[in-house]
Amino acid sequence: MALEEYASKRDFTKTPEPGPSKAATHGHRFFIQRHDASHLHYDFRLEIDGVLKSWAVPKGPSLDPTVKHFAAMVEDHPLDYGDFEGNIPKGNYGGGSVMLWDRGTYELIGDETAAEQIARGDLKFRLHGEKLNGTWALVRMKGKGKGNEWLLIKKKDEASQPGWDVEAFATSVKTGRTQEEIAADLPAHPKKGSDQAKPKKKIHAAEPKQD
């Protein structure tokens, strides 16, 4: 998919979303946006080959390794879209409020490139985010519909948390705002952000203090 499809769906005189200009690449970054459009969903984005490869995940990601959530691959987005948070006016494509729910970097797992793994239908990576961490996979569902049907799966590792609920962390890592505050165009919260929304980490024994 190319940015032409992204541009064809939007009127940039009416939406605050960034245009399809080429931005400088930064490496392996990922972004997740909580998007309250016609249906609430999460947009999972990986920086690959100069664009954000994107999947719409209706139920959002989960740190529970027993959960496999449906993810529809959608059009590529420009790199500048990663930091986008705000309101897309009603009547425009994707109209509704957009929250920057998580961000960070990722590592590919395996010797193949990301493009090769996507073509094969089995993309494996390790996330280093403000909310999400650990090993994940996007696996294309075979023999289904349009061919853009995937599953987002958390692999079992030290970051796994059975029973984890994505909706318990519904605040922005960029501004600390809730979805309702974003929709109302309220200002960012000072000294808030990802810390208030981080999932609980496993507790390890405290190390002795150094004098």
N, C-alpha and C. Protein backbone atom coordinates (compact mmCIF):
# COMPACT_ATOMS: atom_id res chain seq x y z
N MET A 1 0.85 -1.20 0.00
CA MET A 1 0.00 0.00 0.00
C MET A 1 0.88 1.25 0.00
N ALA A 2 0.46 2.29 -0.71
CA ALA A 2 1.24 3.51 -0.79
C ALA A 2 0.46 4.65 -0.16
N LEU A 3 1.14 5.80 0.04
CA LEU A 3 0.49 6.95 0.67
C LEU A 3 -0.55 7.59 -0.24
N GLU A 4 -0.59 7.22 -1.51
CA GLU A 4 -1.64 7.73 -2.39
C GLU A 4 -3.02 7.33 -1.88
N GLU A 5 -3.15 6.13 -1.38
CA GLU A 5 -4.45 5.69 -0.85
C GLU A 5 -4.82 6.49 0.39
N TYR A 6 -3.83 6.72 1.25
CA TYR A 6 -4.06 7.55 2.44
C TYR A 6 -4.57 8.93 2.03
N ALA A 7 -3.90 9.55 1.05
CA ALA A 7 -4.25 10.91 0.63
C ALA A 7 -5.62 10.95 -0.04
N SER A 8 -5.95 9.91 -0.80
CA SER A 8 -7.21 9.91 -1.55
C SER A 8 -8.43 9.87 -0.64
N LYS A 9 -8.26 9.43 0.59
CA LYS A 9 -9.38 9.31 1.52
C LYS A 9 -9.60 10.56 2.37
N ARG A 10 -8.73 11.57 2.21
CA ARG A 10 -8.75 12.71 3.12
C ARG A 10 -8.70 14.04 2.38
N ASP A 11 -9.38 15.02 2.94
CA ASP A 11 -9.30 16.40 2.45
C ASP A 11 -8.53 17.18 3.51
N PHE A 12 -7.29 17.52 3.21
CA PHE A 12 -6.41 18.12 4.21
C PHE A 12 -6.71 19.59 4.48
N THR A 13 -7.69 20.13 3.78
CA THR A 13 -8.19 21.47 4.13
C THR A 13 -9.25 21.38 5.22
N LYS A 14 -9.69 20.15 5.52
CA LYS A 14 -10.76 19.96 6.50
C LYS A 14 -10.35 19.10 7.69
N THR A 15 -9.26 18.38 7.58
CA THR A 15 -8.82 17.51 8.68
C THR A 15 -7.44 17.96 9.18
N PRO A 16 -7.20 17.88 10.50
CA PRO A 16 -5.88 18.26 11.02
C PRO A 16 -4.84 17.16 10.87
N GLU A 17 -5.19 16.05 10.28
CA GLU A 17 -4.23 14.96 10.10
C GLU A 17 -3.09 15.41 9.18
N PRO A 18 -1.89 14.90 9.40
CA PRO A 18 -0.76 15.30 8.56
C PRO A 18 -0.90 14.80 7.13
N GLY A 19 -0.39 15.57 6.19
CA GLY A 19 -0.41 15.18 4.80
C GLY A 19 0.60 14.08 4.52
N PRO A 20 0.61 13.59 3.29
CA PRO A 20 1.45 12.43 2.95
C PRO A 20 2.90 12.77 2.61
N SER A 21 3.43 13.88 3.12
CA SER A 21 4.81 14.24 2.82
C SER A 21 5.77 13.24 3.45
N LYS A 22 6.89 13.08 2.83
CA LYS A 22 7.91 12.15 3.33
C LYS A 22 8.67 12.79 4.50
N ALA A 23 8.66 12.14 5.63
CA ALA A 23 9.38 12.63 6.80
C ALA A 23 10.65 11.81 6.98
N ALA A 24 11.57 12.35 7.77
CA ALA A 24 12.82 11.64 8.04
C ALA A 24 12.51 10.37 8.85
N THR A 25 13.14 9.29 8.46
CA THR A 25 12.94 8.04 9.20
C THR A 25 13.74 8.07 10.50
N HIS A 26 13.23 7.39 11.48
CA HIS A 26 13.88 7.35 12.78
C HIS A 26 14.26 5.93 13.19
N GLY A 27 13.94 4.97 12.36
CA GLY A 27 14.23 3.59 12.74
C GLY A 27 12.97 2.83 13.07
N HIS A 28 13.08 1.88 13.94
CA HIS A 28 11.97 1.00 14.26
C HIS A 28 11.13 1.59 15.39
N ARG A 29 10.18 2.45 15.03
CA ARG A 29 9.26 3.02 16.02
C ARG A 29 7.89 2.38 15.87
N PHE A 30 7.12 2.41 16.94
CA PHE A 30 5.73 2.00 16.83
C PHE A 30 4.85 3.01 17.55
N PHE A 31 3.59 3.07 17.12
CA PHE A 31 2.60 3.95 17.72
C PHE A 31 1.27 3.22 17.78
N ILE A 32 0.51 3.50 18.82
CA ILE A 32 -0.85 2.97 18.92
C ILE A 32 -1.77 4.13 19.25
N GLN A 33 -2.80 4.30 18.44
CA GLN A 33 -3.77 5.36 18.67
C GLN A 33 -5.14 4.75 19.01
N ARG A 34 -5.77 5.33 20.01
CA ARG A 34 -7.13 4.93 20.39
C ARG A 34 -8.07 5.87 19.65
N HIS A 35 -8.88 5.31 18.79
CA HIS A 35 -9.64 6.11 17.83
C HIS A 35 -11.13 5.90 18.03
N ASP A 36 -11.80 6.93 18.51
CA ASP A 36 -13.24 6.86 18.75
C ASP A 36 -13.96 7.45 17.54
N ALA A 37 -14.10 6.63 16.50
CA ALA A 37 -14.77 7.05 15.27
C ALA A 37 -16.18 6.46 15.28
N SER A 38 -16.64 5.90 14.15
CA SER A 38 -17.96 5.28 14.15
C SER A 38 -18.00 4.11 15.13
N HIS A 39 -16.84 3.48 15.32
CA HIS A 39 -16.67 2.44 16.33
C HIS A 39 -15.32 2.66 17.02
N LEU A 40 -15.30 2.52 18.32
CA LEU A 40 -14.04 2.64 19.05
C LEU A 40 -13.11 1.50 18.66
N HIS A 41 -11.86 1.86 18.34
CA HIS A 41 -10.88 0.84 18.01
C HIS A 41 -9.48 1.41 18.27
N TYR A 42 -8.50 0.57 18.12
CA TYR A 42 -7.10 0.97 18.28
C TYR A 42 -6.38 0.79 16.94
N ASP A 43 -5.54 1.77 16.60
CA ASP A 43 -4.75 1.68 15.38
C ASP A 43 -3.30 1.38 15.74
N PHE A 44 -2.83 0.23 15.30
CA PHE A 44 -1.49 -0.25 15.61
C PHE A 44 -0.59 0.03 14.42
N ARG A 45 0.52 0.77 14.64
CA ARG A 45 1.34 1.23 13.54
C ARG A 45 2.83 0.92 13.78
N LEU A 46 3.48 0.37 12.77
CA LEU A 46 4.91 0.06 12.82
C LEU A 46 5.63 0.82 11.71
N GLU A 47 6.72 1.48 12.05
CA GLU A 47 7.53 2.18 11.05
C GLU A 47 8.31 1.16 10.24
N ILE A 48 7.97 1.07 8.95
CA ILE A 48 8.59 0.10 8.06
C ILE A 48 8.78 0.74 6.69
N ASP A 49 10.00 0.77 6.21
CA ASP A 49 10.30 1.25 4.85
C ASP A 49 9.74 2.65 4.58
N GLY A 50 9.87 3.56 5.56
CA GLY A 50 9.53 4.95 5.34
C GLY A 50 8.07 5.32 5.51
N VAL A 51 7.23 4.37 5.92
CA VAL A 51 5.82 4.65 6.20
C VAL A 51 5.43 3.94 7.49
N LEU A 52 4.21 4.21 7.94
CA LEU A 52 3.66 3.48 9.08
C LEU A 52 2.72 2.40 8.55
N LYS A 53 3.16 1.16 8.58
CA LYS A 53 2.27 0.04 8.27
C LYS A 53 1.23 -0.02 9.39
N SER A 54 -0.03 -0.17 9.03
CA SER A 54 -1.10 0.07 10.00
C SER A 54 -2.14 -1.04 10.00
N TRP A 55 -2.60 -1.35 11.21
CA TRP A 55 -3.67 -2.33 11.42
C TRP A 55 -4.71 -1.73 12.36
N ALA A 56 -5.98 -1.86 12.04
CA ALA A 56 -7.06 -1.45 12.94
C ALA A 56 -7.45 -2.65 13.80
N VAL A 57 -7.36 -2.45 15.12
CA VAL A 57 -7.60 -3.54 16.07
C VAL A 57 -8.84 -3.18 16.90
N PRO A 58 -10.02 -3.73 16.59
CA PRO A 58 -11.24 -3.32 17.28
C PRO A 58 -11.18 -3.45 18.80
N LYS A 59 -10.59 -4.52 19.30
CA LYS A 59 -10.55 -4.74 20.75
C LYS A 59 -9.25 -4.28 21.38
N GLY A 60 -8.36 -3.76 20.57
CA GLY A 60 -7.09 -3.27 21.10
C GLY A 60 -6.11 -4.38 21.39
N PRO A 61 -4.87 -4.02 21.74
CA PRO A 61 -3.87 -5.02 22.10
C PRO A 61 -4.12 -5.56 23.49
N SER A 62 -3.50 -6.68 23.80
CA SER A 62 -3.63 -7.25 25.14
C SER A 62 -2.32 -7.90 25.55
N LEU A 63 -1.93 -7.71 26.80
CA LEU A 63 -0.74 -8.38 27.32
C LEU A 63 -1.04 -9.81 27.77
N ASP A 64 -2.28 -10.24 27.59
CA ASP A 64 -2.68 -11.60 27.93
C ASP A 64 -2.33 -12.52 26.75
N PRO A 65 -1.40 -13.47 26.93
CA PRO A 65 -0.98 -14.31 25.81
C PRO A 65 -2.03 -15.31 25.34
N THR A 66 -3.12 -15.46 26.07
CA THR A 66 -4.18 -16.37 25.65
C THR A 66 -5.16 -15.69 24.69
N VAL A 67 -5.00 -14.36 24.51
CA VAL A 67 -5.93 -13.59 23.69
C VAL A 67 -5.35 -13.39 22.29
N LYS A 68 -6.20 -13.59 21.27
CA LYS A 68 -5.83 -13.32 19.89
C LYS A 68 -6.86 -12.35 19.33
N HIS A 69 -6.45 -11.11 19.12
CA HIS A 69 -7.38 -10.09 18.68
C HIS A 69 -7.29 -9.84 17.18
N PHE A 70 -8.44 -9.73 16.54
CA PHE A 70 -8.52 -9.45 15.11
C PHE A 70 -7.89 -8.10 14.79
N ALA A 71 -7.14 -8.04 13.69
CA ALA A 71 -6.49 -6.80 13.25
C ALA A 71 -6.62 -6.70 11.74
N ALA A 72 -7.28 -5.66 11.26
CA ALA A 72 -7.45 -5.47 9.82
C ALA A 72 -6.35 -4.55 9.29
N MET A 73 -5.58 -5.03 8.34
CA MET A 73 -4.54 -4.19 7.75
C MET A 73 -5.19 -3.11 6.91
N VAL A 74 -4.79 -1.87 7.14
CA VAL A 74 -5.37 -0.73 6.43
C VAL A 74 -4.27 -0.01 5.65
N GLU A 75 -4.61 1.14 5.07
CA GLU A 75 -3.65 1.85 4.23
C GLU A 75 -2.44 2.33 5.04
N ASP A 76 -1.29 2.41 4.37
CA ASP A 76 -0.10 2.98 4.99
C ASP A 76 -0.37 4.42 5.39
N HIS A 77 0.23 4.85 6.50
CA HIS A 77 0.12 6.22 6.98
C HIS A 77 1.51 6.87 6.96
N PRO A 78 1.56 8.20 6.81
CA PRO A 78 2.87 8.88 6.83
C PRO A 78 3.49 8.83 8.22
N LEU A 79 4.79 8.93 8.29
CA LEU A 79 5.50 8.85 9.57
C LEU A 79 5.03 9.93 10.54
N ASP A 80 4.68 11.11 10.01
CA ASP A 80 4.23 12.20 10.88
C ASP A 80 2.94 11.86 11.62
N TYR A 81 2.22 10.87 11.14
CA TYR A 81 0.95 10.51 11.78
C TYR A 81 1.17 9.90 13.16
N GLY A 82 2.37 9.38 13.40
CA GLY A 82 2.62 8.68 14.66
C GLY A 82 2.31 9.50 15.89
N ASP A 83 2.64 10.79 15.88
CA ASP A 83 2.43 11.65 17.04
C ASP A 83 1.09 12.37 17.02
N PHE A 84 0.25 12.05 16.04
CA PHE A 84 -1.02 12.77 15.91
C PHE A 84 -1.97 12.45 17.06
N GLU A 85 -2.54 13.51 17.62
CA GLU A 85 -3.61 13.37 18.61
C GLU A 85 -4.54 14.57 18.42
N GLY A 86 -5.83 14.33 18.40
CA GLY A 86 -6.76 15.43 18.22
C GLY A 86 -8.09 14.95 17.68
N ASN A 87 -8.80 15.86 17.01
CA ASN A 87 -10.14 15.55 16.52
C ASN A 87 -10.23 15.67 15.01
N ILE A 88 -10.71 14.61 14.38
CA ILE A 88 -11.02 14.62 12.96
C ILE A 88 -12.49 15.03 12.85
N PRO A 89 -12.79 16.13 12.18
CA PRO A 89 -14.18 16.60 12.14
C PRO A 89 -15.15 15.56 11.58
N LYS A 90 -16.34 15.54 12.12
CA LYS A 90 -17.37 14.63 11.62
C LYS A 90 -17.65 14.92 10.16
N GLY A 91 -17.93 13.88 9.42
CA GLY A 91 -18.14 14.01 7.99
C GLY A 91 -16.90 13.71 7.19
N ASN A 92 -15.75 13.72 7.86
CA ASN A 92 -14.50 13.34 7.22
C ASN A 92 -14.21 11.86 7.48
N TYR A 93 -13.36 11.29 6.65
CA TYR A 93 -12.97 9.90 6.83
C TYR A 93 -12.37 9.71 8.22
N GLY A 94 -12.91 8.76 8.97
CA GLY A 94 -12.40 8.51 10.32
C GLY A 94 -12.78 9.56 11.33
N GLY A 95 -13.84 10.32 11.07
CA GLY A 95 -14.23 11.40 11.97
C GLY A 95 -14.39 10.95 13.41
N GLY A 96 -13.78 11.68 14.34
CA GLY A 96 -13.84 11.34 15.75
C GLY A 96 -12.55 11.73 16.45
N SER A 97 -12.45 11.42 17.72
CA SER A 97 -11.27 11.79 18.51
C SER A 97 -10.20 10.71 18.43
N VAL A 98 -8.95 11.16 18.40
CA VAL A 98 -7.79 10.26 18.30
C VAL A 98 -6.85 10.51 19.47
N MET A 99 -6.56 9.48 20.22
CA MET A 99 -5.63 9.55 21.36
C MET A 99 -4.33 8.83 21.01
N LEU A 100 -3.20 9.42 21.34
CA LEU A 100 -1.94 8.69 21.23
C LEU A 100 -1.81 7.82 22.47
N TRP A 101 -2.16 6.55 22.32
CA TRP A 101 -2.30 5.64 23.45
C TRP A 101 -0.96 5.05 23.90
N ASP A 102 -0.08 4.76 22.95
CA ASP A 102 1.25 4.24 23.31
C ASP A 102 2.22 4.54 22.18
N ARG A 103 3.50 4.51 22.52
CA ARG A 103 4.56 4.73 21.54
C ARG A 103 5.85 4.15 22.08
N GLY A 104 6.79 3.91 21.17
CA GLY A 104 8.07 3.36 21.58
C GLY A 104 8.82 2.84 20.37
N THR A 105 9.67 1.87 20.60
CA THR A 105 10.45 1.26 19.53
C THR A 105 10.18 -0.24 19.51
N TYR A 106 10.61 -0.86 18.41
CA TYR A 106 10.44 -2.31 18.33
C TYR A 106 11.66 -2.93 17.65
N GLU A 107 11.85 -4.21 17.91
CA GLU A 107 12.91 -4.98 17.27
C GLU A 107 12.26 -6.10 16.47
N LEU A 108 12.71 -6.30 15.24
CA LEU A 108 12.26 -7.45 14.48
C LEU A 108 12.87 -8.72 15.05
N ILE A 109 12.14 -9.80 14.97
CA ILE A 109 12.64 -11.11 15.39
C ILE A 109 12.80 -11.96 14.14
N GLY A 110 13.97 -12.54 13.96
CA GLY A 110 14.23 -13.36 12.79
C GLY A 110 15.14 -12.66 11.80
N ASP A 111 15.56 -13.39 10.78
CA ASP A 111 16.51 -12.89 9.80
C ASP A 111 15.85 -12.16 8.63
N GLU A 112 14.58 -12.38 8.41
CA GLU A 112 13.89 -11.74 7.30
C GLU A 112 13.59 -10.27 7.60
N THR A 113 13.46 -9.47 6.55
CA THR A 113 13.06 -8.08 6.73
C THR A 113 11.59 -8.03 7.11
N ALA A 114 11.15 -6.86 7.57
CA ALA A 114 9.75 -6.69 7.92
C ALA A 114 8.86 -6.92 6.69
N ALA A 115 9.28 -6.38 5.54
CA ALA A 115 8.50 -6.55 4.32
C ALA A 115 8.38 -8.02 3.94
N GLU A 116 9.45 -8.76 4.11
CA GLU A 116 9.41 -10.19 3.80
C GLU A 116 8.49 -10.94 4.76
N GLN A 117 8.52 -10.56 6.03
CA GLN A 117 7.66 -11.22 7.00
C GLN A 117 6.18 -10.90 6.74
N ILE A 118 5.89 -9.65 6.36
CA ILE A 118 4.51 -9.28 6.04
C ILE A 118 4.04 -10.06 4.82
N ALA A 119 4.89 -10.17 3.81
CA ALA A 119 4.52 -10.91 2.61
C ALA A 119 4.24 -12.37 2.93
N ARG A 120 4.96 -12.91 3.89
CA ARG A 120 4.76 -14.30 4.31
C ARG A 120 3.56 -14.44 5.23
N GLY A 121 3.14 -13.32 5.83
CA GLY A 121 1.97 -13.35 6.70
C GLY A 121 2.26 -13.72 8.13
N ASP A 122 3.49 -13.49 8.57
CA ASP A 122 3.87 -13.83 9.95
C ASP A 122 4.97 -12.86 10.39
N LEU A 123 4.56 -11.76 11.03
CA LEU A 123 5.48 -10.70 11.44
C LEU A 123 5.71 -10.80 12.94
N LYS A 124 6.96 -10.99 13.34
CA LYS A 124 7.30 -11.14 14.76
C LYS A 124 8.21 -9.99 15.19
N PHE A 125 7.94 -9.47 16.39
CA PHE A 125 8.69 -8.31 16.86
C PHE A 125 8.61 -8.21 18.38
N ARG A 126 9.52 -7.41 18.94
CA ARG A 126 9.57 -7.16 20.37
C ARG A 126 9.34 -5.67 20.60
N LEU A 127 8.33 -5.33 21.42
CA LEU A 127 7.99 -3.95 21.68
C LEU A 127 8.70 -3.41 22.91
N HIS A 128 9.08 -2.14 22.84
CA HIS A 128 9.63 -1.41 23.98
C HIS A 128 8.84 -0.10 24.07
N GLY A 129 7.69 -0.16 24.69
CA GLY A 129 6.80 0.98 24.74
C GLY A 129 6.61 1.53 26.14
N GLU A 130 5.77 2.55 26.23
CA GLU A 130 5.44 3.14 27.53
C GLU A 130 4.37 2.34 28.26
N LYS A 131 3.60 1.57 27.51
CA LYS A 131 2.59 0.68 28.10
C LYS A 131 2.82 -0.78 27.72
N LEU A 132 3.18 -1.01 26.46
CA LEU A 132 3.34 -2.38 25.97
C LEU A 132 4.81 -2.74 25.81
N ASN A 133 5.12 -3.97 26.19
CA ASN A 133 6.47 -4.49 26.04
C ASN A 133 6.39 -5.97 25.67
N GLY A 134 7.53 -6.56 25.42
CA GLY A 134 7.58 -7.99 25.18
C GLY A 134 7.42 -8.38 23.72
N THR A 135 7.29 -9.68 23.50
CA THR A 135 7.28 -10.29 22.18
C THR A 135 5.85 -10.44 21.66
N TRP A 136 5.68 -10.07 20.38
CA TRP A 136 4.36 -10.08 19.75
C TRP A 136 4.46 -10.69 18.36
N ALA A 137 3.29 -11.00 17.79
CA ALA A 137 3.22 -11.46 16.40
C ALA A 137 1.95 -10.92 15.76
N LEU A 138 2.06 -10.58 14.49
CA LEU A 138 0.91 -10.32 13.64
C LEU A 138 0.87 -11.44 12.61
N VAL A 139 -0.22 -12.20 12.62
CA VAL A 139 -0.33 -13.39 11.77
C VAL A 139 -1.54 -13.23 10.85
N ARG A 140 -1.31 -13.35 9.55
CA ARG A 140 -2.41 -13.22 8.60
C ARG A 140 -3.30 -14.45 8.64
N MET A 141 -4.60 -14.22 8.67
CA MET A 141 -5.56 -15.30 8.66
C MET A 141 -5.72 -15.82 7.24
N LYS A 142 -5.66 -17.11 7.07
CA LYS A 142 -5.71 -17.72 5.74
C LYS A 142 -7.15 -17.98 5.31
N GLY A 143 -7.39 -17.79 4.02
CA GLY A 143 -8.70 -18.11 3.47
C GLY A 143 -9.83 -17.24 3.96
N LYS A 144 -9.51 -15.99 4.32
CA LYS A 144 -10.52 -15.10 4.88
C LYS A 144 -10.72 -13.88 3.98
N GLY A 145 -11.95 -13.55 3.68
CA GLY A 145 -12.38 -12.29 3.09
C GLY A 145 -11.46 -11.62 2.11
N LYS A 146 -11.01 -10.40 2.47
CA LYS A 146 -10.27 -9.54 1.56
C LYS A 146 -8.76 -9.80 1.58
N GLY A 147 -8.30 -10.63 2.47
CA GLY A 147 -6.86 -10.89 2.56
C GLY A 147 -6.13 -9.94 3.48
N ASN A 148 -6.88 -9.01 4.12
CA ASN A 148 -6.24 -8.07 5.04
C ASN A 148 -6.55 -8.41 6.50
N GLU A 149 -7.02 -9.63 6.72
CA GLU A 149 -7.40 -10.06 8.06
C GLU A 149 -6.21 -10.72 8.78
N TRP A 150 -5.83 -10.13 9.90
CA TRP A 150 -4.71 -10.61 10.69
C TRP A 150 -5.15 -10.83 12.13
N LEU A 151 -4.26 -11.44 12.91
CA LEU A 151 -4.44 -11.57 14.35
C LEU A 151 -3.25 -10.95 15.05
N LEU A 152 -3.52 -10.15 16.10
CA LEU A 152 -2.46 -9.58 16.92
C LEU A 152 -2.35 -10.44 18.18
N ILE A 153 -1.17 -11.01 18.39
CA ILE A 153 -0.99 -12.01 19.44
C ILE A 153 0.18 -11.64 20.34
N LYS A 154 -0.03 -11.66 21.64
CA LYS A 154 1.06 -11.48 22.61
C LYS A 154 1.68 -12.83 22.91
N LYS A 155 2.96 -12.96 22.75
CA LYS A 155 3.65 -14.20 23.07
C LYS A 155 3.90 -14.28 24.58
N LYS A 156 3.99 -15.47 25.09
CA LYS A 156 4.20 -15.66 26.52
C LYS A 156 5.65 -15.36 26.87
N ASP A 157 5.85 -14.36 27.74
CA ASP A 157 7.19 -14.00 28.20
C ASP A 157 7.07 -13.22 29.50
N GLU A 158 8.13 -12.57 29.90
CA GLU A 158 8.14 -11.86 31.19
C GLU A 158 7.19 -10.67 31.21
N ALA A 159 6.79 -10.17 30.05
CA ALA A 159 5.87 -9.03 29.98
C ALA A 159 4.40 -9.44 29.97
N SER A 160 4.14 -10.73 29.87
CA SER A 160 2.76 -11.21 29.81
C SER A 160 2.01 -10.92 31.10
N GLN A 161 0.73 -10.60 30.96
CA GLN A 161 -0.12 -10.37 32.13
C GLN A 161 -1.51 -10.94 31.85
N PRO A 162 -1.77 -12.16 32.29
CA PRO A 162 -3.09 -12.77 32.09
C PRO A 162 -4.19 -11.89 32.67
N GLY A 163 -5.28 -11.75 31.93
CA GLY A 163 -6.40 -10.95 32.40
C GLY A 163 -6.24 -9.45 32.21
N TRP A 164 -5.18 -9.03 31.55
CA TRP A 164 -4.90 -7.60 31.37
C TRP A 164 -5.99 -6.95 30.55
N ASP A 165 -6.43 -5.77 30.97
CA ASP A 165 -7.55 -5.06 30.33
C ASP A 165 -7.06 -3.76 29.73
N VAL A 166 -7.08 -3.64 28.41
CA VAL A 166 -6.60 -2.45 27.73
C VAL A 166 -7.37 -1.20 28.15
N GLU A 167 -8.66 -1.35 28.46
CA GLU A 167 -9.48 -0.19 28.79
C GLU A 167 -9.17 0.38 30.17
N ALA A 168 -8.37 -0.32 30.96
CA ALA A 168 -7.95 0.20 32.25
C ALA A 168 -6.85 1.25 32.10
N PHE A 169 -6.36 1.45 30.88
CA PHE A 169 -5.24 2.36 30.64
C PHE A 169 -5.58 3.37 29.54
N ALA A 170 -6.80 3.87 29.58
CA ALA A 170 -7.30 4.71 28.49
C ALA A 170 -6.98 6.19 28.69
N THR A 171 -5.68 6.49 28.77
CA THR A 171 -5.22 7.87 28.81
C THR A 171 -4.03 8.03 27.86
N SER A 172 -3.83 9.25 27.41
CA SER A 172 -2.82 9.55 26.41
C SER A 172 -1.41 9.56 27.00
N VAL A 173 -0.46 8.97 26.26
CA VAL A 173 0.95 9.05 26.66
C VAL A 173 1.55 10.40 26.28
N LYS A 174 0.85 11.15 25.46
CA LYS A 174 1.34 12.45 25.01
C LYS A 174 0.86 13.59 25.89
N THR A 175 -0.40 13.54 26.30
CA THR A 175 -0.99 14.67 27.03
C THR A 175 -1.64 14.28 28.36
N GLY A 176 -1.75 13.00 28.64
CA GLY A 176 -2.40 12.56 29.87
C GLY A 176 -3.91 12.67 29.83
N ARG A 177 -4.48 13.04 28.68
CA ARG A 177 -5.92 13.26 28.60
C ARG A 177 -6.69 11.96 28.38
N THR A 178 -7.95 11.97 28.79
CA THR A 178 -8.87 10.89 28.46
C THR A 178 -9.43 11.13 27.07
N GLN A 179 -10.14 10.14 26.55
CA GLN A 179 -10.77 10.31 25.24
C GLN A 179 -11.78 11.45 25.26
N GLU A 180 -12.52 11.57 26.34
CA GLU A 180 -13.53 12.62 26.46
C GLU A 180 -12.88 14.00 26.50
N GLU A 181 -11.74 14.11 27.15
CA GLU A 181 -11.04 15.39 27.21
C GLU A 181 -10.47 15.79 25.85
N ILE A 182 -10.00 14.79 25.10
CA ILE A 182 -9.52 15.06 23.75
C ILE A 182 -10.67 15.52 22.87
N ALA A 183 -11.81 14.83 22.97
CA ALA A 183 -12.98 15.18 22.16
C ALA A 183 -13.45 16.60 22.45
N ALA A 184 -13.27 17.03 23.71
CA ALA A 184 -13.69 18.37 24.11
C ALA A 184 -12.61 19.42 23.90
N ASP A 185 -11.47 19.02 23.30
CA ASP A 185 -10.35 19.93 23.04
C ASP A 185 -9.83 20.58 24.32
N LEU A 186 -9.85 19.85 25.42
CA LEU A 186 -9.31 20.37 26.67
C LEU A 186 -7.79 20.32 26.63
N PRO A 187 -7.13 21.18 27.40
CA PRO A 187 -5.65 21.22 27.35
C PRO A 187 -5.01 19.98 27.96
N ALA A 188 -3.74 19.80 27.65
CA ALA A 188 -2.99 18.68 28.20
C ALA A 188 -2.85 18.82 29.71
N HIS A 189 -2.70 17.70 30.39
CA HIS A 189 -2.48 17.71 31.83
C HIS A 189 -1.00 17.96 32.10
N PRO A 190 -0.66 18.92 32.95
CA PRO A 190 0.75 19.13 33.28
C PRO A 190 1.29 17.97 34.10
N LYS A 191 2.51 17.58 33.78
CA LYS A 191 3.21 16.53 34.52
C LYS A 191 2.42 15.23 34.57
N LYS A 192 1.68 14.96 33.50
CA LYS A 192 0.98 13.70 33.39
C LYS A 192 1.32 13.08 32.05
N GLY A 193 0.91 11.84 31.90
CA GLY A 193 1.20 11.17 30.64
C GLY A 193 1.29 9.70 30.85
N SER A 194 2.38 9.11 30.38
CA SER A 194 2.47 7.66 30.36
C SER A 194 2.53 7.05 31.74
N ASP A 195 3.13 7.75 32.75
CA ASP A 195 3.29 7.13 34.06
C ASP A 195 1.97 6.71 34.67
N GLN A 196 0.93 7.52 34.46
CA GLN A 196 -0.35 7.21 35.08
C GLN A 196 -1.03 6.02 34.42
N ALA A 197 -0.56 5.64 33.24
CA ALA A 197 -1.24 4.61 32.49
C ALA A 197 -0.41 3.35 32.29
N LYS A 198 0.79 3.29 32.86
CA LYS A 198 1.63 2.13 32.66
C LYS A 198 1.04 0.91 33.35
N PRO A 199 1.06 -0.25 32.68
CA PRO A 199 0.63 -1.46 33.35
C PRO A 199 1.58 -1.81 34.47
N LYS A 200 1.07 -2.48 35.46
CA LYS A 200 1.90 -2.83 36.60
C LYS A 200 2.99 -3.80 36.17
N LYS A 201 4.17 -3.56 36.67
CA LYS A 201 5.29 -4.45 36.38
C LYS A 201 5.43 -5.48 37.49
N LYS A 202 6.01 -6.60 37.13
CA LYS A 202 6.26 -7.62 38.14
C LYS A 202 7.26 -7.09 39.15
N ILE A 203 7.01 -7.37 40.41
CA ILE A 203 7.85 -6.84 41.48
C ILE A 203 9.01 -7.80 41.73
N HIS A 204 10.19 -7.25 41.77
CA HIS A 204 11.39 -8.04 42.07
C HIS A 204 11.94 -7.61 43.44
N ALA A 205 12.70 -8.46 44.00
CA ALA A 205 13.27 -8.14 45.30
C ALA A 205 14.17 -6.92 45.18
N ALA A 206 14.07 -6.02 46.16
CA ALA A 206 14.85 -4.80 46.12
C ALA A 206 16.32 -5.09 46.32
N GLU A 207 17.14 -4.40 45.57
CA GLU A 207 18.58 -4.55 45.73
C GLU A 207 19.07 -3.68 46.87
N PRO A 208 20.09 -4.11 47.57
CA PRO A 208 20.61 -3.30 48.68
C PRO A 208 21.12 -1.97 48.18
N LYS A 209 20.90 -0.93 48.95
CA LYS A 209 21.34 0.42 48.55
C LYS A 209 22.85 0.53 48.66
N GLN A 210 23.42 1.31 47.73
CA GLN A 210 24.88 1.54 47.76
C GLN A 210 25.16 2.78 48.60
N ASP A 211 26.10 2.70 49.48
CA ASP A 211 26.50 3.87 50.29
C ASP A 211 27.40 4.77 49.49
